[in-house]
Amino acid sequence: TPASTLVLASVKQGIPWNFIAIIFVLLMIVAAVFALVLR
């Protein structure tokens, strides 16, 4: 057919940056508490 052609696809979900930032902040808090207890 002489119709326009389209290619449709879904976007693959990756790991969101805010999730990585939250994990990093939580690890830093745990490290700080651990250092305070050791001190």
PDB file of all heavy atoms in Angstrom:
ATOM      1  N   THR A   1       0.840  -1.199   0.000  1.00  0.00           N
ATOM      2  CA  THR A   1       0.000   0.000   0.000  1.00  0.00           C
ATOM      3  C   THR A   1       0.877   1.252   0.000  1.00  0.00           C
ATOM      4  O   THR A   1       1.970   1.241   0.561  1.00  0.00           O
ATOM      5  CB  THR A   1      -0.917   0.015   1.234  1.00  0.00           C
ATOM      6  OG1 THR A   1      -0.093   0.015   2.399  1.00  0.00           O
ATOM      7  CG2 THR A   1      -1.828  -1.183   1.251  1.00  0.00           C
ATOM      8  N   PRO A   2       0.411   2.336  -0.587  1.00  0.00           N
ATOM      9  CA  PRO A   2       1.200   3.572  -0.611  1.00  0.00           C
ATOM     10  C   PRO A   2       1.032   4.417   0.655  1.00  0.00           C
ATOM     11  O   PRO A   2       1.227   5.619   0.620  1.00  0.00           O
ATOM     12  CB  PRO A   2       0.639   4.298  -1.835  1.00  0.00           C
ATOM     13  CG  PRO A   2      -0.769   3.855  -1.919  1.00  0.00           C
ATOM     14  CD  PRO A   2      -0.776   2.429  -1.437  1.00  0.00           C
ATOM     15  N   ALA A   3       0.700   3.777   1.747  1.00  0.00           N
ATOM     16  CA  ALA A   3       0.464   4.498   2.997  1.00  0.00           C
ATOM     17  C   ALA A   3       1.786   4.785   3.708  1.00  0.00           C
ATOM     18  O   ALA A   3       2.821   4.196   3.408  1.00  0.00           O
ATOM     19  CB  ALA A   3      -0.445   3.675   3.902  1.00  0.00           C
ATOM     20  N   SER A   4       1.730   5.699   4.639  1.00  0.00           N
ATOM     21  CA  SER A   4       2.895   5.998   5.466  1.00  0.00           C
ATOM     22  C   SER A   4       3.171   4.816   6.382  1.00  0.00           C
ATOM     23  O   SER A   4       2.255   4.144   6.853  1.00  0.00           O
ATOM     24  CB  SER A   4       2.638   7.239   6.316  1.00  0.00           C
ATOM     25  OG  SER A   4       2.385   8.348   5.498  1.00  0.00           O
ATOM     26  N   THR A   5       4.443   4.557   6.623  1.00  0.00           N
ATOM     27  CA  THR A   5       4.812   3.444   7.503  1.00  0.00           C
ATOM     28  C   THR A   5       5.339   3.985   8.821  1.00  0.00           C
ATOM     29  O   THR A   5       5.985   5.030   8.869  1.00  0.00           O
ATOM     30  CB  THR A   5       5.874   2.551   6.849  1.00  0.00           C
ATOM     31  OG1 THR A   5       6.992   3.353   6.508  1.00  0.00           O
ATOM     32  CG2 THR A   5       5.328   1.871   5.630  1.00  0.00           C
ATOM     33  N   LEU A   6       5.052   3.263   9.865  1.00  0.00           N
ATOM     34  CA  LEU A   6       5.478   3.625  11.213  1.00  0.00           C
ATOM     35  C   LEU A   6       6.155   2.435  11.863  1.00  0.00           C
ATOM     36  O   LEU A   6       5.821   1.291  11.580  1.00  0.00           O
ATOM     37  CB  LEU A   6       4.269   4.005  12.078  1.00  0.00           C
ATOM     38  CG  LEU A   6       3.316   5.061  11.553  1.00  0.00           C
ATOM     39  CD1 LEU A   6       2.055   5.047  12.387  1.00  0.00           C
ATOM     40  CD2 LEU A   6       3.972   6.407  11.623  1.00  0.00           C
ATOM     41  N   VAL A   7       7.100   2.699  12.731  1.00  0.00           N
ATOM     42  CA  VAL A   7       7.679   1.658  13.573  1.00  0.00           C
ATOM     43  C   VAL A   7       7.390   2.051  15.010  1.00  0.00           C
ATOM     44  O   VAL A   7       7.808   3.107  15.478  1.00  0.00           O
ATOM     45  CB  VAL A   7       9.192   1.498  13.338  1.00  0.00           C
ATOM     46  CG1 VAL A   7       9.777   0.476  14.298  1.00  0.00           C
ATOM     47  CG2 VAL A   7       9.470   1.085  11.898  1.00  0.00           C
ATOM     48  N   LEU A   8       6.657   1.217  15.695  1.00  0.00           N
ATOM     49  CA  LEU A   8       6.261   1.481  17.079  1.00  0.00           C
ATOM     50  C   LEU A   8       7.058   0.572  17.997  1.00  0.00           C
ATOM     51  O   LEU A   8       7.243  -0.607  17.711  1.00  0.00           O
ATOM     52  CB  LEU A   8       4.767   1.229  17.261  1.00  0.00           C
ATOM     53  CG  LEU A   8       3.843   1.994  16.299  1.00  0.00           C
ATOM     54  CD1 LEU A   8       2.421   1.505  16.465  1.00  0.00           C
ATOM     55  CD2 LEU A   8       3.950   3.469  16.532  1.00  0.00           C
ATOM     56  N   ALA A   9       7.532   1.126  19.110  1.00  0.00           N
ATOM     57  CA  ALA A   9       8.316   0.334  20.061  1.00  0.00           C
ATOM     58  C   ALA A   9       8.090   0.877  21.463  1.00  0.00           C
ATOM     59  O   ALA A   9       7.730   2.038  21.647  1.00  0.00           O
ATOM     60  CB  ALA A   9       9.794   0.387  19.710  1.00  0.00           C
ATOM     61  N   SER A  10       8.301   0.022  22.437  1.00  0.00           N
ATOM     62  CA  SER A  10       8.196   0.451  23.829  1.00  0.00           C
ATOM     63  C   SER A  10       9.588   0.811  24.343  1.00  0.00           C
ATOM     64  O   SER A  10      10.593   0.295  23.868  1.00  0.00           O
ATOM     65  CB  SER A  10       7.593  -0.664  24.688  1.00  0.00           C
ATOM     66  OG  SER A  10       8.418  -1.805  24.632  1.00  0.00           O
ATOM     67  N   VAL A  11       9.635   1.695  25.315  1.00  0.00           N
ATOM     68  CA  VAL A  11      10.906   2.135  25.885  1.00  0.00           C
ATOM     69  C   VAL A  11      11.298   1.167  26.992  1.00  0.00           C
ATOM     70  O   VAL A  11      10.492   0.857  27.870  1.00  0.00           O
ATOM     71  CB  VAL A  11      10.769   3.565  26.440  1.00  0.00           C
ATOM     72  CG1 VAL A  11      12.055   4.012  27.101  1.00  0.00           C
ATOM     73  CG2 VAL A  11      10.362   4.520  25.339  1.00  0.00           C
ATOM     74  N   LYS A  12      12.558   0.706  26.960  1.00  0.00           N
ATOM     75  CA  LYS A  12      13.055  -0.163  28.020  1.00  0.00           C
ATOM     76  C   LYS A  12      13.332   0.684  29.252  1.00  0.00           C
ATOM     77  O   LYS A  12      13.931   1.743  29.168  1.00  0.00           O
ATOM     78  CB  LYS A  12      14.337  -0.866  27.582  1.00  0.00           C
ATOM     79  CG  LYS A  12      14.133  -1.864  26.485  1.00  0.00           C
ATOM     80  CD  LYS A  12      15.444  -2.528  26.136  1.00  0.00           C
ATOM     81  CE  LYS A  12      15.288  -3.491  24.980  1.00  0.00           C
ATOM     82  NZ  LYS A  12      16.563  -4.080  24.580  1.00  0.00           N
ATOM     83  N   GLN A  13      12.882   0.186  30.391  1.00  0.00           N
ATOM     84  CA  GLN A  13      13.073   0.914  31.634  1.00  0.00           C
ATOM     85  C   GLN A  13      14.455   0.612  32.196  1.00  0.00           C
ATOM     86  O   GLN A  13      14.851  -0.523  32.320  1.00  0.00           O
ATOM     87  CB  GLN A  13      12.006   0.514  32.657  1.00  0.00           C
ATOM     88  CG  GLN A  13      10.609   0.890  32.257  1.00  0.00           C
ATOM     89  CD  GLN A  13      10.405   2.381  32.208  1.00  0.00           C
ATOM     90  OE1 GLN A  13      10.984   3.126  32.985  1.00  0.00           O
ATOM     91  NE2 GLN A  13       9.583   2.828  31.285  1.00  0.00           N
ATOM     92  N   GLY A  14      15.166   1.648  32.540  1.00  0.00           N
ATOM     93  CA  GLY A  14      16.463   1.501  33.188  1.00  0.00           C
ATOM     94  C   GLY A  14      16.338   1.803  34.667  1.00  0.00           C
ATOM     95  O   GLY A  14      15.247   1.968  35.208  1.00  0.00           O
ATOM     96  N   ILE A  15      17.480   1.897  35.331  1.00  0.00           N
ATOM     97  CA  ILE A  15      17.478   2.241  36.749  1.00  0.00           C
ATOM     98  C   ILE A  15      17.395   3.760  36.853  1.00  0.00           C
ATOM     99  O   ILE A  15      18.243   4.464  36.312  1.00  0.00           O
ATOM    100  CB  ILE A  15      18.757   1.723  37.437  1.00  0.00           C
ATOM    101  CG1 ILE A  15      18.828   0.208  37.355  1.00  0.00           C
ATOM    102  CG2 ILE A  15      18.809   2.184  38.878  1.00  0.00           C
ATOM    103  CD1 ILE A  15      20.116  -0.374  37.881  1.00  0.00           C
ATOM    104  N   PRO A  16      16.393   4.291  37.530  1.00  0.00           N
ATOM    105  CA  PRO A  16      16.270   5.745  37.639  1.00  0.00           C
ATOM    106  C   PRO A  16      17.388   6.336  38.495  1.00  0.00           C
ATOM    107  O   PRO A  16      17.831   5.727  39.468  1.00  0.00           O
ATOM    108  CB  PRO A  16      14.912   5.957  38.297  1.00  0.00           C
ATOM    109  CG  PRO A  16      14.427   4.634  38.714  1.00  0.00           C
ATOM    110  CD  PRO A  16      15.300   3.577  38.138  1.00  0.00           C
ATOM    111  N   TRP A  17      17.829   7.536  38.131  1.00  0.00           N
ATOM    112  CA  TRP A  17      18.923   8.193  38.851  1.00  0.00           C
ATOM    113  C   TRP A  17      18.542   8.514  40.284  1.00  0.00           C
ATOM    114  O   TRP A  17      19.404   8.447  41.178  1.00  0.00           O
ATOM    115  CB  TRP A  17      19.337   9.472  38.127  1.00  0.00           C
ATOM    116  CG  TRP A  17      20.095   9.181  36.875  1.00  0.00           C
ATOM    117  CD1 TRP A  17      19.622   9.263  35.604  1.00  0.00           C
ATOM    118  CD2 TRP A  17      21.432   8.709  36.769  1.00  0.00           C
ATOM    119  NE1 TRP A  17      20.597   8.881  34.717  1.00  0.00           N
ATOM    120  CE2 TRP A  17      21.716   8.532  35.403  1.00  0.00           C
ATOM    121  CE3 TRP A  17      22.417   8.403  37.688  1.00  0.00           C
ATOM    122  CZ2 TRP A  17      22.958   8.085  34.947  1.00  0.00           C
ATOM    123  CZ3 TRP A  17      23.643   7.956  37.233  1.00  0.00           C
ATOM    124  CH2 TRP A  17      23.909   7.806  35.889  1.00  0.00           C
ATOM    125  N   ASN A  18      17.304   8.843  40.539  1.00  0.00           N
ATOM    126  CA  ASN A  18      16.927   9.168  41.912  1.00  0.00           C
ATOM    127  C   ASN A  18      17.008   7.945  42.817  1.00  0.00           C
ATOM    128  O   ASN A  18      17.307   8.061  43.998  1.00  0.00           O
ATOM    129  CB  ASN A  18      15.551   9.819  41.981  1.00  0.00           C
ATOM    130  CG  ASN A  18      14.457   8.945  41.423  1.00  0.00           C
ATOM    131  OD1 ASN A  18      14.715   7.902  40.831  1.00  0.00           O
ATOM    132  ND2 ASN A  18      13.224   9.383  41.592  1.00  0.00           N
ATOM    133  N   PHE A  19      16.772   6.758  42.275  1.00  0.00           N
ATOM    134  CA  PHE A  19      16.913   5.524  43.059  1.00  0.00           C
ATOM    135  C   PHE A  19      18.376   5.321  43.452  1.00  0.00           C
ATOM    136  O   PHE A  19      18.684   4.976  44.587  1.00  0.00           O
ATOM    137  CB  PHE A  19      16.399   4.338  42.246  1.00  0.00           C
ATOM    138  CG  PHE A  19      16.477   3.025  42.957  1.00  0.00           C
ATOM    139  CD1 PHE A  19      15.627   2.739  44.009  1.00  0.00           C
ATOM    140  CD2 PHE A  19      17.415   2.076  42.591  1.00  0.00           C
ATOM    141  CE1 PHE A  19      15.696   1.535  44.677  1.00  0.00           C
ATOM    142  CE2 PHE A  19      17.498   0.867  43.247  1.00  0.00           C
ATOM    143  CZ  PHE A  19      16.638   0.595  44.293  1.00  0.00           C
ATOM    144  N   ILE A  20      19.292   5.559  42.512  1.00  0.00           N
ATOM    145  CA  ILE A  20      20.723   5.430  42.797  1.00  0.00           C
ATOM    146  C   ILE A  20      21.139   6.463  43.840  1.00  0.00           C
ATOM    147  O   ILE A  20      21.909   6.158  44.760  1.00  0.00           O
ATOM    148  CB  ILE A  20      21.531   5.574  41.500  1.00  0.00           C
ATOM    149  CG1 ILE A  20      21.226   4.404  40.571  1.00  0.00           C
ATOM    150  CG2 ILE A  20      23.021   5.664  41.778  1.00  0.00           C
ATOM    151  CD1 ILE A  20      21.796   4.541  39.184  1.00  0.00           C
ATOM    152  N   ALA A  21      20.632   7.681  43.723  1.00  0.00           N
ATOM    153  CA  ALA A  21      20.977   8.733  44.686  1.00  0.00           C
ATOM    154  C   ALA A  21      20.467   8.395  46.082  1.00  0.00           C
ATOM    155  O   ALA A  21      21.167   8.618  47.073  1.00  0.00           O
ATOM    156  CB  ALA A  21      20.416  10.071  44.213  1.00  0.00           C
ATOM    157  N   ILE A  22      19.257   7.852  46.173  1.00  0.00           N
ATOM    158  CA  ILE A  22      18.703   7.481  47.479  1.00  0.00           C
ATOM    159  C   ILE A  22      19.535   6.377  48.118  1.00  0.00           C
ATOM    160  O   ILE A  22      19.844   6.434  49.311  1.00  0.00           O
ATOM    161  CB  ILE A  22      17.226   7.068  47.330  1.00  0.00           C
ATOM    162  CG1 ILE A  22      16.370   8.289  47.022  1.00  0.00           C
ATOM    163  CG2 ILE A  22      16.714   6.367  48.585  1.00  0.00           C
ATOM    164  CD1 ILE A  22      14.945   7.961  46.629  1.00  0.00           C
ATOM    165  N   ILE A  23      19.926   5.381  47.332  1.00  0.00           N
ATOM    166  CA  ILE A  23      20.766   4.296  47.860  1.00  0.00           C
ATOM    167  C   ILE A  23      22.101   4.856  48.341  1.00  0.00           C
ATOM    168  O   ILE A  23      22.594   4.485  49.415  1.00  0.00           O
ATOM    169  CB  ILE A  23      20.980   3.209  46.782  1.00  0.00           C
ATOM    170  CG1 ILE A  23      19.660   2.537  46.415  1.00  0.00           C
ATOM    171  CG2 ILE A  23      22.014   2.186  47.231  1.00  0.00           C
ATOM    172  CD1 ILE A  23      19.011   1.776  47.544  1.00  0.00           C
ATOM    173  N   PHE A  24      22.697   5.773  47.563  1.00  0.00           N
ATOM    174  CA  PHE A  24      23.976   6.370  47.949  1.00  0.00           C
ATOM    175  C   PHE A  24      23.840   7.145  49.258  1.00  0.00           C
ATOM    176  O   PHE A  24      24.686   7.009  50.155  1.00  0.00           O
ATOM    177  CB  PHE A  24      24.479   7.284  46.826  1.00  0.00           C
ATOM    178  CG  PHE A  24      25.774   7.946  47.141  1.00  0.00           C
ATOM    179  CD1 PHE A  24      26.955   7.227  47.131  1.00  0.00           C
ATOM    180  CD2 PHE A  24      25.820   9.294  47.459  1.00  0.00           C
ATOM    181  CE1 PHE A  24      28.157   7.838  47.436  1.00  0.00           C
ATOM    182  CE2 PHE A  24      27.014   9.914  47.757  1.00  0.00           C
ATOM    183  CZ  PHE A  24      28.190   9.187  47.743  1.00  0.00           C
ATOM    184  N   VAL A  25      22.796   7.945  49.404  1.00  0.00           N
ATOM    185  CA  VAL A  25      22.589   8.714  50.631  1.00  0.00           C
ATOM    186  C   VAL A  25      22.378   7.786  51.821  1.00  0.00           C
ATOM    187  O   VAL A  25      22.935   8.015  52.903  1.00  0.00           O
ATOM    188  CB  VAL A  25      21.401   9.688  50.463  1.00  0.00           C
ATOM    189  CG1 VAL A  25      20.971  10.281  51.786  1.00  0.00           C
ATOM    190  CG2 VAL A  25      21.769  10.790  49.482  1.00  0.00           C
ATOM    191  N   LEU A  26      21.610   6.726  51.633  1.00  0.00           N
ATOM    192  CA  LEU A  26      21.392   5.781  52.735  1.00  0.00           C
ATOM    193  C   LEU A  26      22.693   5.096  53.149  1.00  0.00           C
ATOM    194  O   LEU A  26      22.951   4.908  54.347  1.00  0.00           O
ATOM    195  CB  LEU A  26      20.345   4.743  52.335  1.00  0.00           C
ATOM    196  CG  LEU A  26      18.904   5.258  52.238  1.00  0.00           C
ATOM    197  CD1 LEU A  26      17.984   4.159  51.736  1.00  0.00           C
ATOM    198  CD2 LEU A  26      18.440   5.778  53.573  1.00  0.00           C
ATOM    199  N   LEU A  27      23.526   4.734  52.180  1.00  0.00           N
ATOM    200  CA  LEU A  27      24.819   4.130  52.505  1.00  0.00           C
ATOM    201  C   LEU A  27      25.722   5.110  53.246  1.00  0.00           C
ATOM    202  O   LEU A  27      26.440   4.716  54.172  1.00  0.00           O
ATOM    203  CB  LEU A  27      25.503   3.632  51.235  1.00  0.00           C
ATOM    204  CG  LEU A  27      24.911   2.378  50.603  1.00  0.00           C
ATOM    205  CD1 LEU A  27      25.603   2.062  49.290  1.00  0.00           C
ATOM    206  CD2 LEU A  27      25.017   1.202  51.555  1.00  0.00           C
ATOM    207  N   MET A  28      25.676   6.373  52.873  1.00  0.00           N
ATOM    208  CA  MET A  28      26.484   7.373  53.567  1.00  0.00           C
ATOM    209  C   MET A  28      25.996   7.568  55.002  1.00  0.00           C
ATOM    210  O   MET A  28      26.800   7.754  55.922  1.00  0.00           O
ATOM    211  CB  MET A  28      26.458   8.696  52.798  1.00  0.00           C
ATOM    212  CG  MET A  28      27.125   8.626  51.437  1.00  0.00           C
ATOM    213  SD  MET A  28      28.794   7.972  51.467  1.00  0.00           S
ATOM    214  CE  MET A  28      29.651   9.277  52.258  1.00  0.00           C
ATOM    215  N   ILE A  29      24.698   7.525  55.216  1.00  0.00           N
ATOM    216  CA  ILE A  29      24.152   7.654  56.571  1.00  0.00           C
ATOM    217  C   ILE A  29      24.580   6.468  57.423  1.00  0.00           C
ATOM    218  O   ILE A  29      24.990   6.627  58.575  1.00  0.00           O
ATOM    219  CB  ILE A  29      22.611   7.799  56.523  1.00  0.00           C
ATOM    220  CG1 ILE A  29      22.237   9.163  55.947  1.00  0.00           C
ATOM    221  CG2 ILE A  29      21.992   7.606  57.900  1.00  0.00           C
ATOM    222  CD1 ILE A  29      20.760   9.322  55.652  1.00  0.00           C
ATOM    223  N   VAL A  30      24.509   5.270  56.860  1.00  0.00           N
ATOM    224  CA  VAL A  30      24.936   4.071  57.595  1.00  0.00           C
ATOM    225  C   VAL A  30      26.425   4.162  57.928  1.00  0.00           C
ATOM    226  O   VAL A  30      26.844   3.840  59.050  1.00  0.00           O
ATOM    227  CB  VAL A  30      24.607   2.796  56.780  1.00  0.00           C
ATOM    228  CG1 VAL A  30      25.284   1.583  57.367  1.00  0.00           C
ATOM    229  CG2 VAL A  30      23.107   2.590  56.720  1.00  0.00           C
ATOM    230  N   ALA A  31      27.239   4.621  56.989  1.00  0.00           N
ATOM    231  CA  ALA A  31      28.676   4.756  57.240  1.00  0.00           C
ATOM    232  C   ALA A  31      28.939   5.792  58.327  1.00  0.00           C
ATOM    233  O   ALA A  31      29.820   5.599  59.181  1.00  0.00           O
ATOM    234  CB  ALA A  31      29.392   5.139  55.945  1.00  0.00           C
ATOM    235  N   ALA A  32      28.188   6.893  58.331  1.00  0.00           N
ATOM    236  CA  ALA A  32      28.375   7.928  59.352  1.00  0.00           C
ATOM    237  C   ALA A  32      27.995   7.405  60.736  1.00  0.00           C
ATOM    238  O   ALA A  32      28.707   7.648  61.716  1.00  0.00           O
ATOM    239  CB  ALA A  32      27.550   9.159  59.000  1.00  0.00           C
ATOM    240  N   VAL A  33      26.901   6.693  60.835  1.00  0.00           N
ATOM    241  CA  VAL A  33      26.486   6.118  62.122  1.00  0.00           C
ATOM    242  C   VAL A  33      27.524   5.104  62.601  1.00  0.00           C
ATOM    243  O   VAL A  33      27.886   5.083  63.785  1.00  0.00           O
ATOM    244  CB  VAL A  33      25.078   5.475  62.005  1.00  0.00           C
ATOM    245  CG1 VAL A  33      24.752   4.641  63.226  1.00  0.00           C
ATOM    246  CG2 VAL A  33      24.034   6.554  61.792  1.00  0.00           C
ATOM    247  N   PHE A  34      28.028   4.292  61.689  1.00  0.00           N
ATOM    248  CA  PHE A  34      29.052   3.308  62.042  1.00  0.00           C
ATOM    249  C   PHE A  34      30.314   4.012  62.555  1.00  0.00           C
ATOM    250  O   PHE A  34      30.898   3.593  63.563  1.00  0.00           O
ATOM    251  CB  PHE A  34      29.369   2.448  60.811  1.00  0.00           C
ATOM    252  CG  PHE A  34      30.347   1.344  61.076  1.00  0.00           C
ATOM    253  CD1 PHE A  34      30.001   0.269  61.864  1.00  0.00           C
ATOM    254  CD2 PHE A  34      31.615   1.393  60.527  1.00  0.00           C
ATOM    255  CE1 PHE A  34      30.896  -0.753  62.108  1.00  0.00           C
ATOM    256  CE2 PHE A  34      32.515   0.378  60.763  1.00  0.00           C
ATOM    257  CZ  PHE A  34      32.158  -0.694  61.556  1.00  0.00           C
ATOM    258  N   ALA A  35      30.732   5.082  61.897  1.00  0.00           N
ATOM    259  CA  ALA A  35      31.920   5.822  62.334  1.00  0.00           C
ATOM    260  C   ALA A  35      31.692   6.460  63.698  1.00  0.00           C
ATOM    261  O   ALA A  35      32.604   6.465  64.542  1.00  0.00           O
ATOM    262  CB  ALA A  35      32.280   6.883  61.288  1.00  0.00           C
ATOM    263  N   LEU A  36      30.508   6.996  63.933  1.00  0.00           N
ATOM    264  CA  LEU A  36      30.219   7.601  65.243  1.00  0.00           C
ATOM    265  C   LEU A  36      30.236   6.564  66.352  1.00  0.00           C
ATOM    266  O   LEU A  36      30.750   6.811  67.447  1.00  0.00           O
ATOM    267  CB  LEU A  36      28.873   8.319  65.206  1.00  0.00           C
ATOM    268  CG  LEU A  36      28.838   9.621  64.410  1.00  0.00           C
ATOM    269  CD1 LEU A  36      27.408  10.149  64.327  1.00  0.00           C
ATOM    270  CD2 LEU A  36      29.746  10.658  65.042  1.00  0.00           C
ATOM    271  N   VAL A  37      29.707   5.395  66.097  1.00  0.00           N
ATOM    272  CA  VAL A  37      29.710   4.326  67.108  1.00  0.00           C
ATOM    273  C   VAL A  37      31.138   3.882  67.391  1.00  0.00           C
ATOM    274  O   VAL A  37      31.530   3.706  68.558  1.00  0.00           O
ATOM    275  CB  VAL A  37      28.828   3.144  66.643  1.00  0.00           C
ATOM    276  CG1 VAL A  37      29.041   1.920  67.521  1.00  0.00           C
ATOM    277  CG2 VAL A  37      27.363   3.550  66.650  1.00  0.00           C
ATOM    278  N   LEU A  38      31.936   3.724  66.345  1.00  0.00           N
ATOM    279  CA  LEU A  38      33.333   3.343  66.556  1.00  0.00           C
ATOM    280  C   LEU A  38      34.089   4.407  67.343  1.00  0.00           C
ATOM    281  O   LEU A  38      34.888   4.096  68.229  1.00  0.00           O
ATOM    282  CB  LEU A  38      34.026   3.096  65.220  1.00  0.00           C
ATOM    283  CG  LEU A  38      33.673   1.801  64.499  1.00  0.00           C
ATOM    284  CD1 LEU A  38      34.424   1.724  63.179  1.00  0.00           C
ATOM    285  CD2 LEU A  38      34.012   0.601  65.351  1.00  0.00           C
ATOM    286  N   ARG A  39      33.861   5.667  67.029  1.00  0.00           N
ATOM    287  CA  ARG A  39      34.544   6.758  67.744  1.00  0.00           C
ATOM    288  C   ARG A  39      34.125   6.804  69.196  1.00  0.00           C
ATOM    289  O   ARG A  39      34.948   7.026  70.085  1.00  0.00           O
ATOM    290  CB  ARG A  39      34.225   8.082  67.044  1.00  0.00           C
ATOM    291  CG  ARG A  39      34.849   9.268  67.701  1.00  0.00           C
ATOM    292  CD  ARG A  39      36.361   9.253  67.567  1.00  0.00           C
ATOM    293  NE  ARG A  39      36.901  10.434  68.210  1.00  0.00           N
ATOM    294  CZ  ARG A  39      37.924  10.416  69.042  1.00  0.00           C
ATOM    295  NH1 ARG A  39      38.560   9.302  69.297  1.00  0.00           N
ATOM    296  NH2 ARG A  39      38.333  11.531  69.600  1.00  0.00           N
TER     297      ARG A  39
END
